[in-house]
Amino acid sequence: MTDTTPAHSLETVWLVQATYAPDAAETRVPFRARHLARMAGLMAAGVVIEVGAFTDVSGAMILVRAPSESEALEICRQDVYTQNGVWVELRAKPFGRLRLDRQG
């Protein structure tokens, strides 16, 4: 890297917003371990960058690496939360993520 080469770049990923069902605090309980294990596996594979829920259990945000909006949403549709009505709505927007480029 030279002095004129930036030490960062921008990566376009998908910010998926998942809305929880009103009773999600209770209905997610039997599915939570499977959901968390799947998300951890997707993070380890580099597909999911970050995932987390609002502490009031109103929604969650997932940063997903995918070629298109439909593919990012499909990753979330395959989740046990969506398949069991814990997440009731999914929306995706392109998100410009700042990456730090590291040497070595």
N, C-alpha and C. Protein backbone atom coordinates (compact mmCIF):
# COMPACT_ATOMS: atom_id res chain seq x y z
N MET A 1 0.84 -1.17 0.00
CA MET A 1 0.00 0.00 0.00
C MET A 1 0.90 1.24 0.00
N THR A 2 0.56 2.20 -0.82
CA THR A 2 1.31 3.45 -0.86
C THR A 2 0.57 4.50 -0.05
N ASP A 3 1.23 5.64 0.11
CA ASP A 3 0.60 6.73 0.87
C ASP A 3 -0.67 7.24 0.20
N THR A 4 -0.81 7.04 -1.12
CA THR A 4 -2.00 7.52 -1.83
C THR A 4 -3.11 6.47 -1.90
N THR A 5 -2.83 5.26 -1.48
CA THR A 5 -3.84 4.21 -1.47
C THR A 5 -4.64 4.30 -0.18
N PRO A 6 -5.95 4.48 -0.29
CA PRO A 6 -6.73 4.58 0.95
C PRO A 6 -6.70 3.27 1.73
N ALA A 7 -6.80 3.38 3.02
CA ALA A 7 -6.80 2.20 3.90
C ALA A 7 -8.22 1.72 4.16
N HIS A 8 -9.13 2.11 3.27
CA HIS A 8 -10.52 1.71 3.43
C HIS A 8 -11.19 1.60 2.06
N SER A 9 -12.34 0.96 2.05
CA SER A 9 -13.15 0.86 0.85
C SER A 9 -14.61 0.76 1.27
N LEU A 10 -15.49 0.90 0.30
CA LEU A 10 -16.92 0.76 0.56
C LEU A 10 -17.41 -0.53 -0.05
N GLU A 11 -18.24 -1.23 0.68
CA GLU A 11 -18.82 -2.49 0.24
C GLU A 11 -20.34 -2.33 0.29
N THR A 12 -21.02 -2.65 -0.81
CA THR A 12 -22.48 -2.61 -0.79
C THR A 12 -22.99 -3.95 -0.28
N VAL A 13 -23.76 -3.88 0.80
CA VAL A 13 -24.40 -5.06 1.40
C VAL A 13 -25.89 -4.72 1.54
N TRP A 14 -26.64 -5.62 2.12
CA TRP A 14 -28.08 -5.39 2.31
C TRP A 14 -28.39 -5.29 3.79
N LEU A 15 -29.09 -4.23 4.15
CA LEU A 15 -29.60 -4.08 5.50
C LEU A 15 -31.03 -4.61 5.48
N VAL A 16 -31.24 -5.73 6.14
CA VAL A 16 -32.57 -6.32 6.21
C VAL A 16 -33.18 -5.96 7.56
N GLN A 17 -34.37 -5.40 7.51
CA GLN A 17 -35.11 -5.07 8.71
C GLN A 17 -36.22 -6.10 8.86
N ALA A 18 -36.25 -6.77 9.99
CA ALA A 18 -37.26 -7.77 10.27
C ALA A 18 -38.16 -7.26 11.38
N THR A 19 -39.45 -7.27 11.15
CA THR A 19 -40.41 -6.86 12.17
C THR A 19 -40.92 -8.09 12.90
N TYR A 20 -40.89 -8.02 14.22
CA TYR A 20 -41.39 -9.12 15.05
C TYR A 20 -42.91 -9.06 15.17
N ALA A 21 -43.52 -10.22 15.32
CA ALA A 21 -44.94 -10.30 15.64
C ALA A 21 -45.15 -9.69 17.03
N PRO A 22 -46.34 -9.17 17.31
CA PRO A 22 -46.58 -8.56 18.62
C PRO A 22 -46.30 -9.49 19.81
N ASP A 23 -46.48 -10.79 19.63
CA ASP A 23 -46.26 -11.74 20.72
C ASP A 23 -44.92 -12.46 20.62
N ALA A 24 -43.98 -11.87 19.89
CA ALA A 24 -42.70 -12.53 19.61
C ALA A 24 -41.88 -12.83 20.87
N ALA A 25 -42.01 -12.03 21.90
CA ALA A 25 -41.23 -12.29 23.11
C ALA A 25 -41.52 -13.69 23.64
N GLU A 26 -42.75 -14.16 23.45
CA GLU A 26 -43.11 -15.51 23.88
C GLU A 26 -42.92 -16.55 22.77
N THR A 27 -43.36 -16.21 21.54
CA THR A 27 -43.36 -17.21 20.47
C THR A 27 -41.97 -17.54 19.94
N ARG A 28 -41.00 -16.67 20.16
CA ARG A 28 -39.66 -16.97 19.65
C ARG A 28 -38.90 -17.97 20.52
N VAL A 29 -39.32 -18.14 21.75
CA VAL A 29 -38.58 -18.96 22.72
C VAL A 29 -38.24 -20.35 22.19
N PRO A 30 -39.20 -21.13 21.64
CA PRO A 30 -38.83 -22.48 21.21
C PRO A 30 -37.93 -22.52 19.98
N PHE A 31 -37.80 -21.40 19.27
CA PHE A 31 -37.02 -21.36 18.03
C PHE A 31 -35.70 -20.61 18.18
N ARG A 32 -35.49 -19.98 19.32
CA ARG A 32 -34.36 -19.06 19.49
C ARG A 32 -33.00 -19.73 19.34
N ALA A 33 -32.82 -20.89 19.92
CA ALA A 33 -31.51 -21.57 19.83
C ALA A 33 -31.18 -21.91 18.37
N ARG A 34 -32.17 -22.41 17.62
CA ARG A 34 -31.94 -22.72 16.20
C ARG A 34 -31.65 -21.46 15.40
N HIS A 35 -32.40 -20.39 15.67
CA HIS A 35 -32.19 -19.12 14.98
C HIS A 35 -30.77 -18.60 15.22
N LEU A 36 -30.37 -18.56 16.49
CA LEU A 36 -29.04 -18.04 16.83
C LEU A 36 -27.93 -18.90 16.25
N ALA A 37 -28.09 -20.22 16.28
CA ALA A 37 -27.08 -21.11 15.70
C ALA A 37 -26.96 -20.89 14.20
N ARG A 38 -28.08 -20.74 13.51
CA ARG A 38 -28.04 -20.50 12.07
C ARG A 38 -27.36 -19.17 11.76
N MET A 39 -27.73 -18.12 12.49
CA MET A 39 -27.11 -16.81 12.25
C MET A 39 -25.61 -16.86 12.54
N ALA A 40 -25.21 -17.56 13.59
CA ALA A 40 -23.78 -17.70 13.90
C ALA A 40 -23.05 -18.42 12.77
N GLY A 41 -23.68 -19.44 12.20
CA GLY A 41 -23.08 -20.15 11.07
C GLY A 41 -22.95 -19.27 9.84
N LEU A 42 -23.98 -18.45 9.58
CA LEU A 42 -23.92 -17.52 8.44
C LEU A 42 -22.88 -16.44 8.67
N MET A 43 -22.69 -16.04 9.91
CA MET A 43 -21.64 -15.07 10.22
C MET A 43 -20.26 -15.70 9.99
N ALA A 44 -20.08 -16.92 10.45
CA ALA A 44 -18.80 -17.61 10.26
C ALA A 44 -18.49 -17.79 8.79
N ALA A 45 -19.53 -17.97 7.96
CA ALA A 45 -19.35 -18.13 6.52
C ALA A 45 -19.17 -16.80 5.79
N GLY A 46 -19.35 -15.68 6.51
CA GLY A 46 -19.18 -14.37 5.90
C GLY A 46 -20.41 -13.87 5.16
N VAL A 47 -21.53 -14.56 5.27
CA VAL A 47 -22.77 -14.15 4.59
C VAL A 47 -23.47 -13.08 5.41
N VAL A 48 -23.57 -13.29 6.69
CA VAL A 48 -24.14 -12.29 7.60
C VAL A 48 -22.98 -11.57 8.28
N ILE A 49 -23.01 -10.26 8.23
CA ILE A 49 -21.95 -9.45 8.82
C ILE A 49 -22.28 -9.11 10.27
N GLU A 50 -23.53 -8.79 10.50
CA GLU A 50 -23.99 -8.40 11.84
C GLU A 50 -25.47 -8.71 11.93
N VAL A 51 -25.91 -9.08 13.12
CA VAL A 51 -27.32 -9.36 13.35
C VAL A 51 -27.63 -9.04 14.80
N GLY A 52 -28.81 -8.51 15.02
CA GLY A 52 -29.23 -8.23 16.39
C GLY A 52 -30.65 -7.71 16.41
N ALA A 53 -31.24 -7.77 17.59
CA ALA A 53 -32.62 -7.34 17.76
C ALA A 53 -32.67 -6.12 18.67
N PHE A 54 -33.71 -5.33 18.48
CA PHE A 54 -33.98 -4.26 19.42
C PHE A 54 -34.41 -4.89 20.73
N THR A 55 -33.99 -4.32 21.83
CA THR A 55 -34.27 -4.93 23.13
C THR A 55 -35.75 -4.91 23.49
N ASP A 56 -36.54 -4.11 22.80
CA ASP A 56 -38.00 -4.12 23.04
C ASP A 56 -38.70 -5.19 22.20
N VAL A 57 -37.95 -6.00 21.49
CA VAL A 57 -38.45 -7.08 20.64
C VAL A 57 -39.45 -6.57 19.60
N SER A 58 -39.16 -5.40 19.05
CA SER A 58 -40.01 -4.85 17.98
C SER A 58 -39.46 -5.20 16.60
N GLY A 59 -38.18 -5.44 16.52
CA GLY A 59 -37.59 -5.73 15.23
C GLY A 59 -36.13 -6.12 15.37
N ALA A 60 -35.59 -6.52 14.24
CA ALA A 60 -34.18 -6.92 14.17
C ALA A 60 -33.58 -6.34 12.91
N MET A 61 -32.24 -6.25 12.90
CA MET A 61 -31.52 -5.81 11.72
C MET A 61 -30.44 -6.83 11.41
N ILE A 62 -30.32 -7.15 10.13
CA ILE A 62 -29.34 -8.12 9.68
C ILE A 62 -28.58 -7.49 8.51
N LEU A 63 -27.26 -7.43 8.60
CA LEU A 63 -26.45 -6.99 7.47
C LEU A 63 -26.02 -8.23 6.71
N VAL A 64 -26.41 -8.30 5.43
CA VAL A 64 -26.23 -9.52 4.64
C VAL A 64 -25.41 -9.22 3.39
N ARG A 65 -24.46 -10.09 3.10
CA ARG A 65 -23.76 -10.05 1.81
C ARG A 65 -24.53 -10.94 0.86
N ALA A 66 -25.08 -10.34 -0.19
CA ALA A 66 -25.84 -11.08 -1.19
C ALA A 66 -25.80 -10.29 -2.50
N PRO A 67 -25.89 -10.97 -3.62
CA PRO A 67 -25.84 -10.28 -4.91
C PRO A 67 -27.06 -9.40 -5.21
N SER A 68 -28.20 -9.68 -4.55
CA SER A 68 -29.41 -8.92 -4.86
C SER A 68 -30.30 -8.83 -3.63
N GLU A 69 -31.26 -7.91 -3.72
CA GLU A 69 -32.24 -7.75 -2.64
C GLU A 69 -33.02 -9.04 -2.44
N SER A 70 -33.45 -9.65 -3.53
CA SER A 70 -34.26 -10.87 -3.39
C SER A 70 -33.47 -11.98 -2.72
N GLU A 71 -32.18 -12.09 -3.01
CA GLU A 71 -31.36 -13.12 -2.36
C GLU A 71 -31.12 -12.81 -0.88
N ALA A 72 -30.96 -11.55 -0.55
CA ALA A 72 -30.80 -11.17 0.86
C ALA A 72 -32.08 -11.49 1.63
N LEU A 73 -33.22 -11.17 1.04
CA LEU A 73 -34.49 -11.47 1.69
C LEU A 73 -34.71 -12.97 1.80
N GLU A 74 -34.30 -13.73 0.80
CA GLU A 74 -34.48 -15.18 0.84
C GLU A 74 -33.69 -15.81 1.98
N ILE A 75 -32.51 -15.30 2.24
CA ILE A 75 -31.72 -15.79 3.38
C ILE A 75 -32.54 -15.65 4.66
N CYS A 76 -33.22 -14.53 4.81
CA CYS A 76 -34.04 -14.30 6.00
C CYS A 76 -35.35 -15.07 5.96
N ARG A 77 -35.90 -15.29 4.78
CA ARG A 77 -37.13 -16.10 4.68
C ARG A 77 -36.88 -17.54 5.08
N GLN A 78 -35.65 -18.02 4.90
CA GLN A 78 -35.31 -19.39 5.26
C GLN A 78 -35.07 -19.55 6.76
N ASP A 79 -35.10 -18.47 7.50
CA ASP A 79 -34.86 -18.54 8.94
C ASP A 79 -36.07 -19.10 9.66
N VAL A 80 -35.81 -19.83 10.71
CA VAL A 80 -36.87 -20.43 11.53
C VAL A 80 -37.82 -19.38 12.10
N TYR A 81 -37.34 -18.16 12.32
CA TYR A 81 -38.21 -17.11 12.81
C TYR A 81 -39.27 -16.74 11.77
N THR A 82 -38.87 -16.58 10.52
CA THR A 82 -39.84 -16.24 9.48
C THR A 82 -40.79 -17.41 9.24
N GLN A 83 -40.25 -18.60 9.20
CA GLN A 83 -41.06 -19.78 8.90
C GLN A 83 -42.08 -20.09 9.99
N ASN A 84 -41.88 -19.55 11.17
CA ASN A 84 -42.80 -19.82 12.29
C ASN A 84 -43.52 -18.57 12.80
N GLY A 85 -43.54 -17.50 12.00
CA GLY A 85 -44.32 -16.32 12.32
C GLY A 85 -43.77 -15.42 13.41
N VAL A 86 -42.51 -15.62 13.77
CA VAL A 86 -41.88 -14.72 14.76
C VAL A 86 -41.52 -13.41 14.07
N TRP A 87 -40.91 -13.50 12.89
CA TRP A 87 -40.72 -12.33 12.03
C TRP A 87 -41.89 -12.29 11.07
N VAL A 88 -42.59 -11.16 10.99
CA VAL A 88 -43.78 -11.08 10.16
C VAL A 88 -43.60 -10.19 8.93
N GLU A 89 -42.53 -9.42 8.89
CA GLU A 89 -42.27 -8.57 7.73
C GLU A 89 -40.76 -8.41 7.56
N LEU A 90 -40.32 -8.46 6.30
CA LEU A 90 -38.91 -8.27 5.96
C LEU A 90 -38.80 -7.17 4.91
N ARG A 91 -37.86 -6.28 5.09
CA ARG A 91 -37.57 -5.22 4.12
C ARG A 91 -36.06 -5.15 3.96
N ALA A 92 -35.61 -4.85 2.76
CA ALA A 92 -34.16 -4.76 2.53
C ALA A 92 -33.84 -3.47 1.79
N LYS A 93 -32.70 -2.88 2.15
CA LYS A 93 -32.20 -1.69 1.49
C LYS A 93 -30.70 -1.87 1.28
N PRO A 94 -30.17 -1.38 0.16
CA PRO A 94 -28.72 -1.43 -0.01
C PRO A 94 -28.06 -0.51 1.00
N PHE A 95 -26.94 -0.97 1.52
CA PHE A 95 -26.24 -0.27 2.59
C PHE A 95 -24.76 -0.19 2.22
N GLY A 96 -24.20 1.01 2.23
CA GLY A 96 -22.78 1.20 1.93
C GLY A 96 -21.97 1.05 3.20
N ARG A 97 -21.29 -0.07 3.30
CA ARG A 97 -20.54 -0.40 4.52
C ARG A 97 -19.07 -0.01 4.34
N LEU A 98 -18.55 0.72 5.31
CA LEU A 98 -17.13 1.09 5.30
C LEU A 98 -16.30 -0.11 5.75
N ARG A 99 -15.35 -0.49 4.94
CA ARG A 99 -14.44 -1.59 5.28
C ARG A 99 -13.05 -1.01 5.47
N LEU A 100 -12.37 -1.48 6.48
CA LEU A 100 -10.97 -1.13 6.67
C LEU A 100 -10.13 -2.18 5.96
N ASP A 101 -9.30 -1.75 5.04
CA ASP A 101 -8.43 -2.68 4.32
C ASP A 101 -7.15 -2.85 5.11
N ARG A 102 -6.91 -4.06 5.52
CA ARG A 102 -5.74 -4.36 6.36
C ARG A 102 -4.70 -5.08 5.54
N GLN A 103 -3.45 -4.83 5.85
CA GLN A 103 -2.35 -5.54 5.22
C GLN A 103 -2.05 -6.82 6.01
N GLY A 104 -1.51 -7.80 5.27
CA GLY A 104 -1.02 -9.00 5.92
C GLY A 104 -2.10 -9.87 6.36
